[in-house]
Amino acid sequence: MGAFTARPLRTLILFDRFKEASLLRVLPTSTFTGMAEAICDAPSVLRTFAAPEWSELNEDGKQWVAAIVREALAVAAERAL
């Protein structure tokens, strides 16, 4: 056990994180619309100056917010250890 180092385990964890992020990025943005709506309509977001409610966004706006949520999850997966 003394010869075991944490480096291979850390490499495996990092590989899994990047793999998870890659898998998130290939999913269609429609996969994230429910989460995007919940975030968009959260009271803390709506208190932000000029933040629109989900129902006020057109379809392009909804897709844009969903894409931001997808990328945020992918980045979080890459950086979380």
PDB file of N, CA and C in Angstrom:
ATOM      1  N   MET A   1       0.818  -1.199   0.000  1.00  0.00           N
ATOM      2  CA  MET A   1       0.000   0.000   0.000  1.00  0.00           C
ATOM      3  C   MET A   1       0.857   1.256   0.000  1.00  0.00           C
ATOM      4  N   GLY A   2       2.068   1.161   0.553  1.00  0.00           N
ATOM      5  CA  GLY A   2       2.934   2.313   0.615  1.00  0.00           C
ATOM      6  C   GLY A   2       3.385   2.782  -0.756  1.00  0.00           C
ATOM      7  N   ALA A   3       3.466   1.881  -1.741  1.00  0.00           N
ATOM      8  CA  ALA A   3       3.911   2.239  -3.076  1.00  0.00           C
ATOM      9  C   ALA A   3       2.800   2.894  -3.894  1.00  0.00           C
ATOM     10  N   PHE A   4       1.570   2.785  -3.450  1.00  0.00           N
ATOM     11  CA  PHE A   4       0.442   3.363  -4.188  1.00  0.00           C
ATOM     12  C   PHE A   4       0.458   4.874  -4.058  1.00  0.00           C
ATOM     13  N   THR A   5       0.327   5.554  -5.171  1.00  0.00           N
ATOM     14  CA  THR A   5       0.230   7.017  -5.143  1.00  0.00           C
ATOM     15  C   THR A   5      -1.153   7.429  -5.618  1.00  0.00           C
ATOM     16  N   ALA A   6      -1.523   8.625  -5.295  1.00  0.00           N
ATOM     17  CA  ALA A   6      -2.843   9.140  -5.679  1.00  0.00           C
ATOM     18  C   ALA A   6      -2.874   9.575  -7.137  1.00  0.00           C
ATOM     19  N   ARG A   7      -1.718   9.708  -7.778  1.00  0.00           N
ATOM     20  CA  ARG A   7      -1.660  10.225  -9.152  1.00  0.00           C
ATOM     21  C   ARG A   7      -2.501   9.406 -10.137  1.00  0.00           C
ATOM     22  N   PRO A   8      -2.391   8.052 -10.203  1.00  0.00           N
ATOM     23  CA  PRO A   8      -3.239   7.309 -11.149  1.00  0.00           C
ATOM     24  C   PRO A   8      -4.729   7.481 -10.870  1.00  0.00           C
ATOM     25  N   LEU A   9      -5.091   7.527  -9.610  1.00  0.00           N
ATOM     26  CA  LEU A   9      -6.501   7.715  -9.250  1.00  0.00           C
ATOM     27  C   LEU A   9      -6.974   9.096  -9.688  1.00  0.00           C
ATOM     28  N   ARG A  10      -6.157  10.102  -9.468  1.00  0.00           N
ATOM     29  CA  ARG A  10      -6.508  11.467  -9.891  1.00  0.00           C
ATOM     30  C   ARG A  10      -6.660  11.537 -11.414  1.00  0.00           C
ATOM     31  N   THR A  11      -5.779  10.877 -12.139  1.00  0.00           N
ATOM     32  CA  THR A  11      -5.867  10.840 -13.600  1.00  0.00           C
ATOM     33  C   THR A  11      -7.164  10.189 -14.043  1.00  0.00           C
ATOM     34  N   LEU A  12      -7.538   9.106 -13.382  1.00  0.00           N
ATOM     35  CA  LEU A  12      -8.788   8.419 -13.707  1.00  0.00           C
ATOM     36  C   LEU A  12      -9.985   9.318 -13.427  1.00  0.00           C
ATOM     37  N   ILE A  13      -9.966  10.020 -12.309  1.00  0.00           N
ATOM     38  CA  ILE A  13     -11.062  10.930 -11.959  1.00  0.00           C
ATOM     39  C   ILE A  13     -11.156  12.043 -12.993  1.00  0.00           C
ATOM     40  N   LEU A  14     -10.019  12.624 -13.376  1.00  0.00           N
ATOM     41  CA  LEU A  14     -10.025  13.690 -14.383  1.00  0.00           C
ATOM     42  C   LEU A  14     -10.545  13.187 -15.717  1.00  0.00           C
ATOM     43  N   PHE A  15     -10.119  11.978 -16.112  1.00  0.00           N
ATOM     44  CA  PHE A  15     -10.594  11.402 -17.365  1.00  0.00           C
ATOM     45  C   PHE A  15     -12.108  11.233 -17.328  1.00  0.00           C
ATOM     46  N   ASP A  16     -12.629  10.722 -16.207  1.00  0.00           N
ATOM     47  CA  ASP A  16     -14.075  10.549 -16.078  1.00  0.00           C
ATOM     48  C   ASP A  16     -14.805  11.883 -16.165  1.00  0.00           C
ATOM     49  N   ARG A  17     -14.235  12.914 -15.573  1.00  0.00           N
ATOM     50  CA  ARG A  17     -14.872  14.238 -15.605  1.00  0.00           C
ATOM     51  C   ARG A  17     -14.934  14.782 -17.027  1.00  0.00           C
ATOM     52  N   PHE A  18     -13.830  14.657 -17.769  1.00  0.00           N
ATOM     53  CA  PHE A  18     -13.824  15.150 -19.146  1.00  0.00           C
ATOM     54  C   PHE A  18     -14.748  14.320 -20.026  1.00  0.00           C
ATOM     55  N   LYS A  19     -14.811  13.020 -19.766  1.00  0.00           N
ATOM     56  CA  LYS A  19     -15.717  12.159 -20.524  1.00  0.00           C
ATOM     57  C   LYS A  19     -17.164  12.571 -20.254  1.00  0.00           C
ATOM     58  N   GLU A  20     -17.476  12.823 -18.981  1.00  0.00           N
ATOM     59  CA  GLU A  20     -18.825  13.251 -18.614  1.00  0.00           C
ATOM     60  C   GLU A  20     -19.158  14.586 -19.287  1.00  0.00           C
ATOM     61  N   ALA A  21     -18.212  15.512 -19.300  1.00  0.00           N
ATOM     62  CA  ALA A  21     -18.437  16.809 -19.938  1.00  0.00           C
ATOM     63  C   ALA A  21     -18.674  16.632 -21.434  1.00  0.00           C
ATOM     64  N   SER A  22     -17.914  15.759 -22.070  1.00  0.00           N
ATOM     65  CA  SER A  22     -18.089  15.502 -23.501  1.00  0.00           C
ATOM     66  C   SER A  22     -19.461  14.926 -23.793  1.00  0.00           C
ATOM     67  N   LEU A  23     -19.911  14.040 -22.924  1.00  0.00           N
ATOM     68  CA  LEU A  23     -21.234  13.441 -23.112  1.00  0.00           C
ATOM     69  C   LEU A  23     -22.342  14.475 -22.945  1.00  0.00           C
ATOM     70  N   LEU A  24     -22.155  15.405 -22.026  1.00  0.00           N
ATOM     71  CA  LEU A  24     -23.145  16.469 -21.846  1.00  0.00           C
ATOM     72  C   LEU A  24     -23.219  17.361 -23.073  1.00  0.00           C
ATOM     73  N   ARG A  25     -22.072  17.668 -23.648  1.00  0.00           N
ATOM     74  CA  ARG A  25     -22.026  18.614 -24.766  1.00  0.00           C
ATOM     75  C   ARG A  25     -22.660  18.071 -26.044  1.00  0.00           C
ATOM     76  N   VAL A  26     -22.769  16.772 -26.184  1.00  0.00           N
ATOM     77  CA  VAL A  26     -23.382  16.232 -27.408  1.00  0.00           C
ATOM     78  C   VAL A  26     -24.894  16.082 -27.292  1.00  0.00           C
ATOM     79  N   LEU A  27     -25.427  16.245 -26.100  1.00  0.00           N
ATOM     80  CA  LEU A  27     -26.877  16.155 -25.936  1.00  0.00           C
ATOM     81  C   LEU A  27     -27.547  17.378 -26.559  1.00  0.00           C
ATOM     82  N   PRO A  28     -28.723  17.199 -27.139  1.00  0.00           N
ATOM     83  CA  PRO A  28     -29.426  18.360 -27.710  1.00  0.00           C
ATOM     84  C   PRO A  28     -29.850  19.330 -26.611  1.00  0.00           C
ATOM     85  N   THR A  29     -29.904  20.601 -26.950  1.00  0.00           N
ATOM     86  CA  THR A  29     -30.270  21.602 -25.948  1.00  0.00           C
ATOM     87  C   THR A  29     -31.668  21.362 -25.390  1.00  0.00           C
ATOM     88  N   SER A  30     -32.529  20.701 -26.160  1.00  0.00           N
ATOM     89  CA  SER A  30     -33.881  20.419 -25.670  1.00  0.00           C
ATOM     90  C   SER A  30     -33.855  19.546 -24.414  1.00  0.00           C
ATOM     91  N   THR A  31     -32.783  18.802 -24.213  1.00  0.00           N
ATOM     92  CA  THR A  31     -32.632  17.976 -23.009  1.00  0.00           C
ATOM     93  C   THR A  31     -32.587  18.851 -21.756  1.00  0.00           C
ATOM     94  N   PHE A  32     -32.144  20.077 -21.903  1.00  0.00           N
ATOM     95  CA  PHE A  32     -31.905  20.949 -20.760  1.00  0.00           C
ATOM     96  C   PHE A  32     -32.967  22.031 -20.575  1.00  0.00           C
ATOM     97  N   THR A  33     -34.053  21.986 -21.354  1.00  0.00           N
ATOM     98  CA  THR A  33     -35.039  23.064 -21.265  1.00  0.00           C
ATOM     99  C   THR A  33     -35.754  23.097 -19.915  1.00  0.00           C
ATOM    100  N   GLY A  34     -36.029  21.944 -19.342  1.00  0.00           N
ATOM    101  CA  GLY A  34     -36.689  21.930 -18.025  1.00  0.00           C
ATOM    102  C   GLY A  34     -35.829  22.588 -16.966  1.00  0.00           C
ATOM    103  N   MET A  35     -34.545  22.256 -16.961  1.00  0.00           N
ATOM    104  CA  MET A  35     -33.630  22.856 -16.004  1.00  0.00           C
ATOM    105  C   MET A  35     -33.441  24.339 -16.308  1.00  0.00           C
ATOM    106  N   ALA A  36     -33.361  24.674 -17.591  1.00  0.00           N
ATOM    107  CA  ALA A  36     -33.199  26.076 -17.980  1.00  0.00           C
ATOM    108  C   ALA A  36     -34.405  26.905 -17.534  1.00  0.00           C
ATOM    109  N   GLU A  37     -35.594  26.355 -17.683  1.00  0.00           N
ATOM    110  CA  GLU A  37     -36.802  27.070 -17.244  1.00  0.00           C
ATOM    111  C   GLU A  37     -36.783  27.283 -15.739  1.00  0.00           C
ATOM    112  N   ALA A  38     -36.420  26.255 -14.984  1.00  0.00           N
ATOM    113  CA  ALA A  38     -36.366  26.379 -13.523  1.00  0.00           C
ATOM    114  C   ALA A  38     -35.353  27.435 -13.095  1.00  0.00           C
ATOM    115  N   ILE A  39     -34.207  27.476 -13.766  1.00  0.00           N
ATOM    116  CA  ILE A  39     -33.186  28.472 -13.439  1.00  0.00           C
ATOM    117  C   ILE A  39     -33.662  29.861 -13.830  1.00  0.00           C
ATOM    118  N   CYS A  40     -34.216  29.982 -15.011  1.00  0.00           N
ATOM    119  CA  CYS A  40     -34.672  31.275 -15.524  1.00  0.00           C
ATOM    120  C   CYS A  40     -35.758  31.884 -14.640  1.00  0.00           C
ATOM    121  N   ASP A  41     -36.634  31.046 -14.116  1.00  0.00           N
ATOM    122  CA  ASP A  41     -37.744  31.524 -13.291  1.00  0.00           C
ATOM    123  C   ASP A  41     -37.444  31.520 -11.790  1.00  0.00           C
ATOM    124  N   ALA A  42     -36.214  31.202 -11.420  1.00  0.00           N
ATOM    125  CA  ALA A  42     -35.833  31.214 -10.000  1.00  0.00           C
ATOM    126  C   ALA A  42     -35.900  32.647  -9.465  1.00  0.00           C
ATOM    127  N   PRO A  43     -36.427  32.834  -8.264  1.00  0.00           N
ATOM    128  CA  PRO A  43     -36.554  34.186  -7.710  1.00  0.00           C
ATOM    129  C   PRO A  43     -35.240  34.972  -7.710  1.00  0.00           C
ATOM    130  N   SER A  44     -34.137  34.312  -7.414  1.00  0.00           N
ATOM    131  CA  SER A  44     -32.858  35.032  -7.382  1.00  0.00           C
ATOM    132  C   SER A  44     -32.453  35.527  -8.772  1.00  0.00           C
ATOM    133  N   VAL A  45     -32.840  34.814  -9.812  1.00  0.00           N
ATOM    134  CA  VAL A  45     -32.550  35.258 -11.185  1.00  0.00           C
ATOM    135  C   VAL A  45     -33.503  36.372 -11.581  1.00  0.00           C
ATOM    136  N   LEU A  46     -34.765  36.212 -11.245  1.00  0.00           N
ATOM    137  CA  LEU A  46     -35.759  37.225 -11.614  1.00  0.00           C
ATOM    138  C   LEU A  46     -35.518  38.555 -10.914  1.00  0.00           C
ATOM    139  N   ARG A  47     -34.834  38.528  -9.775  1.00  0.00           N
ATOM    140  CA  ARG A  47     -34.510  39.778  -9.085  1.00  0.00           C
ATOM    141  C   ARG A  47     -33.378  40.531  -9.781  1.00  0.00           C
ATOM    142  N   THR A  48     -32.709  39.867 -10.726  1.00  0.00           N
ATOM    143  CA  THR A  48     -31.643  40.505 -11.483  1.00  0.00           C
ATOM    144  C   THR A  48     -32.262  41.494 -12.466  1.00  0.00           C
ATOM    145  N   PHE A  49     -31.655  42.629 -12.616  1.00  0.00           N
ATOM    146  CA  PHE A  49     -32.182  43.692 -13.473  1.00  0.00           C
ATOM    147  C   PHE A  49     -32.500  43.193 -14.876  1.00  0.00           C
ATOM    148  N   ALA A  50     -33.704  43.415 -15.317  1.00  0.00           N
ATOM    149  CA  ALA A  50     -34.186  43.128 -16.673  1.00  0.00           C
ATOM    150  C   ALA A  50     -34.174  41.647 -17.038  1.00  0.00           C
ATOM    151  N   ALA A  51     -34.182  40.756 -16.073  1.00  0.00           N
ATOM    152  CA  ALA A  51     -34.212  39.321 -16.372  1.00  0.00           C
ATOM    153  C   ALA A  51     -35.622  38.917 -16.798  1.00  0.00           C
ATOM    154  N   PRO A  52     -35.771  38.313 -17.973  1.00  0.00           N
ATOM    155  CA  PRO A  52     -37.103  37.899 -18.428  1.00  0.00           C
ATOM    156  C   PRO A  52     -37.522  36.573 -17.807  1.00  0.00           C
ATOM    157  N   GLU A  53     -38.808  36.393 -17.660  1.00  0.00           N
ATOM    158  CA  GLU A  53     -39.322  35.092 -17.257  1.00  0.00           C
ATOM    159  C   GLU A  53     -39.237  34.153 -18.453  1.00  0.00           C
ATOM    160  N   TRP A  54     -39.267  32.857 -18.187  1.00  0.00           N
ATOM    161  CA  TRP A  54     -39.160  31.852 -19.254  1.00  0.00           C
ATOM    162  C   TRP A  54     -40.232  32.071 -20.313  1.00  0.00           C
ATOM    163  N   SER A  55     -41.443  32.340 -19.884  1.00  0.00           N
ATOM    164  CA  SER A  55     -42.560  32.491 -20.823  1.00  0.00           C
ATOM    165  C   SER A  55     -42.405  33.724 -21.731  1.00  0.00           C
ATOM    166  N   GLU A  56     -41.556  34.660 -21.334  1.00  0.00           N
ATOM    167  CA  GLU A  56     -41.330  35.856 -22.146  1.00  0.00           C
ATOM    168  C   GLU A  56     -40.294  35.638 -23.248  1.00  0.00           C
ATOM    169  N   LEU A  57     -39.553  34.544 -23.187  1.00  0.00           N
ATOM    170  CA  LEU A  57     -38.530  34.260 -24.190  1.00  0.00           C
ATOM    171  C   LEU A  57     -39.153  33.618 -25.423  1.00  0.00           C
ATOM    172  N   ASN A  58     -38.631  33.958 -26.615  1.00  0.00           N
ATOM    173  CA  ASN A  58     -39.076  33.247 -27.815  1.00  0.00           C
ATOM    174  C   ASN A  58     -38.308  31.919 -27.879  1.00  0.00           C
ATOM    175  N   GLU A  59     -38.569  31.120 -28.880  1.00  0.00           N
ATOM    176  CA  GLU A  59     -37.937  29.788 -28.954  1.00  0.00           C
ATOM    177  C   GLU A  59     -36.414  29.879 -29.072  1.00  0.00           C
ATOM    178  N   ASP A  60     -35.915  30.865 -29.813  1.00  0.00           N
ATOM    179  CA  ASP A  60     -34.461  31.049 -29.919  1.00  0.00           C
ATOM    180  C   ASP A  60     -33.860  31.394 -28.558  1.00  0.00           C
ATOM    181  N   GLY A  61     -34.538  32.242 -27.817  1.00  0.00           N
ATOM    182  CA  GLY A  61     -34.060  32.612 -26.481  1.00  0.00           C
ATOM    183  C   GLY A  61     -34.048  31.424 -25.540  1.00  0.00           C
ATOM    184  N   LYS A  62     -35.084  30.588 -25.619  1.00  0.00           N
ATOM    185  CA  LYS A  62     -35.144  29.397 -24.770  1.00  0.00           C
ATOM    186  C   LYS A  62     -34.023  28.421 -25.116  1.00  0.00           C
ATOM    187  N   GLN A  63     -33.747  28.268 -26.406  1.00  0.00           N
ATOM    188  CA  GLN A  63     -32.667  27.383 -26.835  1.00  0.00           C
ATOM    189  C   GLN A  63     -31.315  27.938 -26.374  1.00  0.00           C
ATOM    190  N   TRP A  64     -31.158  29.248 -26.425  1.00  0.00           N
ATOM    191  CA  TRP A  64     -29.927  29.893 -25.996  1.00  0.00           C
ATOM    192  C   TRP A  64     -29.683  29.657 -24.505  1.00  0.00           C
ATOM    193  N   VAL A  65     -30.711  29.848 -23.681  1.00  0.00           N
ATOM    194  CA  VAL A  65     -30.571  29.626 -22.240  1.00  0.00           C
ATOM    195  C   VAL A  65     -30.269  28.153 -21.961  1.00  0.00           C
ATOM    196  N   ALA A  66     -30.937  27.245 -22.669  1.00  0.00           N
ATOM    197  CA  ALA A  66     -30.680  25.815 -22.488  1.00  0.00           C
ATOM    198  C   ALA A  66     -29.237  25.466 -22.855  1.00  0.00           C
ATOM    199  N   ALA A  67     -28.710  26.101 -23.899  1.00  0.00           N
ATOM    200  CA  ALA A  67     -27.317  25.861 -24.290  1.00  0.00           C
ATOM    201  C   ALA A  67     -26.357  26.376 -23.223  1.00  0.00           C
ATOM    202  N   ILE A  68     -26.675  27.497 -22.602  1.00  0.00           N
ATOM    203  CA  ILE A  68     -25.851  28.019 -21.509  1.00  0.00           C
ATOM    204  C   ILE A  68     -25.864  27.048 -20.334  1.00  0.00           C
ATOM    205  N   VAL A  69     -27.028  26.511 -20.010  1.00  0.00           N
ATOM    206  CA  VAL A  69     -27.132  25.538 -18.912  1.00  0.00           C
ATOM    207  C   VAL A  69     -26.310  24.297 -19.235  1.00  0.00           C
ATOM    208  N   ARG A  70     -26.418  23.794 -20.466  1.00  0.00           N
ATOM    209  CA  ARG A  70     -25.643  22.611 -20.864  1.00  0.00           C
ATOM    210  C   ARG A  70     -24.144  22.867 -20.711  1.00  0.00           C
ATOM    211  N   GLU A  71     -23.679  24.004 -21.194  1.00  0.00           N
ATOM    212  CA  GLU A  71     -22.251  24.320 -21.108  1.00  0.00           C
ATOM    213  C   GLU A  71     -21.818  24.528 -19.660  1.00  0.00           C
ATOM    214  N   ALA A  72     -22.664  25.146 -18.853  1.00  0.00           N
ATOM    215  CA  ALA A  72     -22.331  25.333 -17.438  1.00  0.00           C
ATOM    216  C   ALA A  72     -22.172  23.982 -16.728  1.00  0.00           C
ATOM    217  N   LEU A  73     -23.046  23.045 -17.032  1.00  0.00           N
ATOM    218  CA  LEU A  73     -22.930  21.708 -16.447  1.00  0.00           C
ATOM    219  C   LEU A  73     -21.664  21.000 -16.918  1.00  0.00           C
ATOM    220  N   ALA A  74     -21.336  21.152 -18.188  1.00  0.00           N
ATOM    221  CA  ALA A  74     -20.132  20.517 -18.731  1.00  0.00           C
ATOM    222  C   ALA A  74     -18.878  21.106 -18.091  1.00  0.00           C
ATOM    223  N   VAL A  75     -18.830  22.416 -17.962  1.00  0.00           N
ATOM    224  CA  VAL A  75     -17.672  23.062 -17.330  1.00  0.00           C
ATOM    225  C   VAL A  75     -17.572  22.655 -15.864  1.00  0.00           C
ATOM    226  N   ALA A  76     -18.710  22.586 -15.178  1.00  0.00           N
ATOM    227  CA  ALA A  76     -18.698  22.157 -13.781  1.00  0.00           C
ATOM    228  C   ALA A  76     -18.211  20.725 -13.662  1.00  0.00           C
ATOM    229  N   ALA A  77     -18.600  19.861 -14.583  1.00  0.00           N
ATOM    230  CA  ALA A  77     -18.146  18.477 -14.560  1.00  0.00           C
ATOM    231  C   ALA A  77     -16.643  18.391 -14.769  1.00  0.00           C
ATOM    232  N   GLU A  78     -16.095  19.236 -15.628  1.00  0.00           N
ATOM    233  CA  GLU A  78     -14.658  19.230 -15.874  1.00  0.00           C
ATOM    234  C   GLU A  78     -13.869  19.713 -14.662  1.00  0.00           C
ATOM    235  N   ARG A  79     -14.401  20.675 -13.975  1.00  0.00           N
ATOM    236  CA  ARG A  79     -13.624  21.342 -12.905  1.00  0.00           C
ATOM    237  C   ARG A  79     -13.872  20.792 -11.521  1.00  0.00           C
ATOM    238  N   ALA A  80     -14.958  20.072 -11.323  1.00  0.00           N
ATOM    239  CA  ALA A  80     -15.284  19.539  -9.991  1.00  0.00           C
ATOM    240  C   ALA A  80     -14.418  18.325  -9.687  1.00  0.00           C
ATOM    241  N   LEU A  81     -13.810  18.333  -8.551  1.00  0.00           N
ATOM    242  CA  LEU A  81     -13.008  17.180  -8.116  1.00  0.00           C
ATOM    243  C   LEU A  81     -13.379  16.809  -6.711  1.00  0.00           C
TER     244      LEU A  81
END
